[in-house]
Amino acid sequence: MIKKIAWDTFKNTGDINAFLELKQIEDIEKNIITNKEKDIEENGKPEDKWNNTF
């Protein structure tokens, strides 16, 4: 979705910086998702930890 917004913004404004900034946001989002998935694989779901403490 962000890629489409970035491309449309670039087409309408001709500003490559807007396109590049939005692409960076897309990359950050992908990294966050990947890191969350790795964390869940290594440590389990956060809900499991709460249930096991009581």
N, C-alpha and C. Protein backbone atom coordinates (compact mmCIF):
# COMPACT_ATOMS: atom_id res chain seq x y z
N MET A 1 0.83 -1.19 0.00
CA MET A 1 0.00 0.00 0.00
C MET A 1 0.87 1.26 0.00
N ILE A 2 1.88 1.28 0.86
CA ILE A 2 2.75 2.46 0.91
C ILE A 2 3.47 2.63 -0.41
N LYS A 3 3.85 1.53 -1.03
CA LYS A 3 4.53 1.62 -2.32
C LYS A 3 3.65 2.32 -3.35
N LYS A 4 2.35 1.99 -3.36
CA LYS A 4 1.42 2.63 -4.29
C LYS A 4 1.29 4.11 -3.98
N ILE A 5 1.19 4.45 -2.70
CA ILE A 5 1.09 5.86 -2.30
C ILE A 5 2.35 6.61 -2.72
N ALA A 6 3.50 5.96 -2.49
CA ALA A 6 4.77 6.59 -2.87
C ALA A 6 4.83 6.83 -4.37
N TRP A 7 4.44 5.84 -5.14
CA TRP A 7 4.49 5.97 -6.59
C TRP A 7 3.52 7.05 -7.08
N ASP A 8 2.31 7.06 -6.53
CA ASP A 8 1.33 8.08 -6.93
C ASP A 8 1.82 9.48 -6.57
N THR A 9 2.42 9.61 -5.40
CA THR A 9 2.96 10.92 -4.98
C THR A 9 4.05 11.37 -5.94
N PHE A 10 4.92 10.44 -6.30
CA PHE A 10 6.00 10.78 -7.23
C PHE A 10 5.43 11.19 -8.59
N LYS A 11 4.44 10.45 -9.08
CA LYS A 11 3.85 10.78 -10.38
C LYS A 11 3.19 12.16 -10.35
N ASN A 12 2.52 12.49 -9.25
CA ASN A 12 1.81 13.76 -9.17
C ASN A 12 2.72 14.95 -8.92
N THR A 13 3.77 14.75 -8.13
CA THR A 13 4.62 15.88 -7.75
C THR A 13 5.95 15.91 -8.48
N GLY A 14 6.42 14.75 -8.92
CA GLY A 14 7.73 14.68 -9.54
C GLY A 14 8.85 14.76 -8.51
N ASP A 15 8.49 14.70 -7.23
CA ASP A 15 9.48 14.81 -6.15
C ASP A 15 9.98 13.42 -5.77
N ILE A 16 11.18 13.10 -6.20
CA ILE A 16 11.76 11.79 -5.91
C ILE A 16 12.00 11.60 -4.42
N ASN A 17 12.22 12.69 -3.69
CA ASN A 17 12.46 12.58 -2.25
C ASN A 17 11.24 12.03 -1.52
N ALA A 18 10.06 12.43 -1.92
CA ALA A 18 8.83 11.91 -1.29
C ALA A 18 8.73 10.41 -1.53
N PHE A 19 9.04 9.99 -2.75
CA PHE A 19 9.02 8.57 -3.07
C PHE A 19 10.02 7.80 -2.21
N LEU A 20 11.24 8.31 -2.11
CA LEU A 20 12.28 7.63 -1.35
C LEU A 20 11.95 7.58 0.14
N GLU A 21 11.39 8.64 0.67
CA GLU A 21 11.03 8.66 2.09
C GLU A 21 9.94 7.63 2.39
N LEU A 22 8.95 7.56 1.53
CA LEU A 22 7.88 6.59 1.74
C LEU A 22 8.39 5.16 1.59
N LYS A 23 9.33 4.94 0.68
CA LYS A 23 9.94 3.62 0.54
C LYS A 23 10.71 3.26 1.81
N GLN A 24 11.37 4.22 2.43
CA GLN A 24 12.08 3.96 3.69
C GLN A 24 11.09 3.55 4.78
N ILE A 25 9.95 4.19 4.82
CA ILE A 25 8.92 3.82 5.81
C ILE A 25 8.46 2.38 5.57
N GLU A 26 8.29 2.03 4.31
CA GLU A 26 7.90 0.66 3.98
C GLU A 26 8.95 -0.34 4.46
N ASP A 27 10.21 -0.03 4.26
CA ASP A 27 11.29 -0.91 4.71
C ASP A 27 11.32 -1.03 6.23
N ILE A 28 11.07 0.07 6.93
CA ILE A 28 11.04 0.05 8.40
C ILE A 28 9.90 -0.85 8.88
N GLU A 29 8.74 -0.74 8.25
CA GLU A 29 7.61 -1.58 8.62
C GLU A 29 7.94 -3.06 8.42
N LYS A 30 8.59 -3.39 7.31
CA LYS A 30 8.97 -4.77 7.05
C LYS A 30 9.93 -5.28 8.12
N ASN A 31 10.89 -4.43 8.52
CA ASN A 31 11.84 -4.82 9.56
C ASN A 31 11.14 -5.05 10.90
N ILE A 32 10.18 -4.22 11.23
CA ILE A 32 9.44 -4.37 12.49
C ILE A 32 8.69 -5.71 12.49
N ILE A 33 8.04 -6.02 11.39
CA ILE A 33 7.29 -7.28 11.30
C ILE A 33 8.24 -8.47 11.40
N THR A 34 9.37 -8.40 10.71
CA THR A 34 10.34 -9.49 10.75
C THR A 34 10.89 -9.66 12.16
N ASN A 35 11.20 -8.57 12.83
CA ASN A 35 11.73 -8.65 14.19
C ASN A 35 10.70 -9.22 15.16
N LYS A 36 9.43 -8.86 14.99
CA LYS A 36 8.36 -9.41 15.84
C LYS A 36 8.25 -10.91 15.64
N GLU A 37 8.31 -11.34 14.39
CA GLU A 37 8.21 -12.77 14.10
C GLU A 37 9.38 -13.53 14.71
N LYS A 38 10.58 -12.99 14.61
CA LYS A 38 11.76 -13.63 15.20
C LYS A 38 11.63 -13.70 16.71
N ASP A 39 11.14 -12.63 17.32
CA ASP A 39 10.98 -12.58 18.77
C ASP A 39 9.98 -13.64 19.23
N ILE A 40 8.89 -13.78 18.49
CA ILE A 40 7.88 -14.78 18.85
C ILE A 40 8.46 -16.18 18.71
N GLU A 41 9.25 -16.42 17.66
CA GLU A 41 9.86 -17.74 17.47
C GLU A 41 10.82 -18.06 18.62
N GLU A 42 11.57 -17.08 19.06
CA GLU A 42 12.57 -17.31 20.10
C GLU A 42 11.97 -17.35 21.50
N ASN A 43 10.99 -16.51 21.77
CA ASN A 43 10.49 -16.35 23.13
C ASN A 43 9.04 -16.76 23.34
N GLY A 44 8.35 -17.11 22.32
CA GLY A 44 6.93 -17.42 22.44
C GLY A 44 6.10 -16.16 22.45
N LYS A 45 4.81 -16.33 22.49
CA LYS A 45 3.91 -15.18 22.49
C LYS A 45 3.93 -14.51 23.86
N PRO A 46 3.81 -13.19 23.91
CA PRO A 46 3.79 -12.49 25.19
C PRO A 46 2.66 -12.97 26.11
N GLU A 47 1.53 -13.35 25.52
CA GLU A 47 0.40 -13.80 26.34
C GLU A 47 0.77 -15.07 27.11
N ASP A 48 1.59 -15.93 26.51
CA ASP A 48 1.98 -17.16 27.17
C ASP A 48 2.77 -16.89 28.45
N LYS A 49 3.61 -15.87 28.40
CA LYS A 49 4.39 -15.51 29.58
C LYS A 49 3.50 -15.06 30.73
N TRP A 50 2.47 -14.26 30.41
CA TRP A 50 1.57 -13.78 31.46
C TRP A 50 0.80 -14.94 32.08
N ASN A 51 0.36 -15.85 31.26
CA ASN A 51 -0.42 -16.98 31.78
C ASN A 51 0.42 -17.90 32.66
N ASN A 52 1.70 -17.99 32.40
CA ASN A 52 2.56 -18.90 33.15
C ASN A 52 3.05 -18.30 34.46
N THR A 53 2.86 -17.01 34.68
CA THR A 53 3.38 -16.41 35.90
C THR A 53 2.45 -16.56 37.10
N PHE A 54 1.20 -16.95 36.86
CA PHE A 54 0.25 -17.05 37.96
C PHE A 54 -0.04 -18.48 38.32
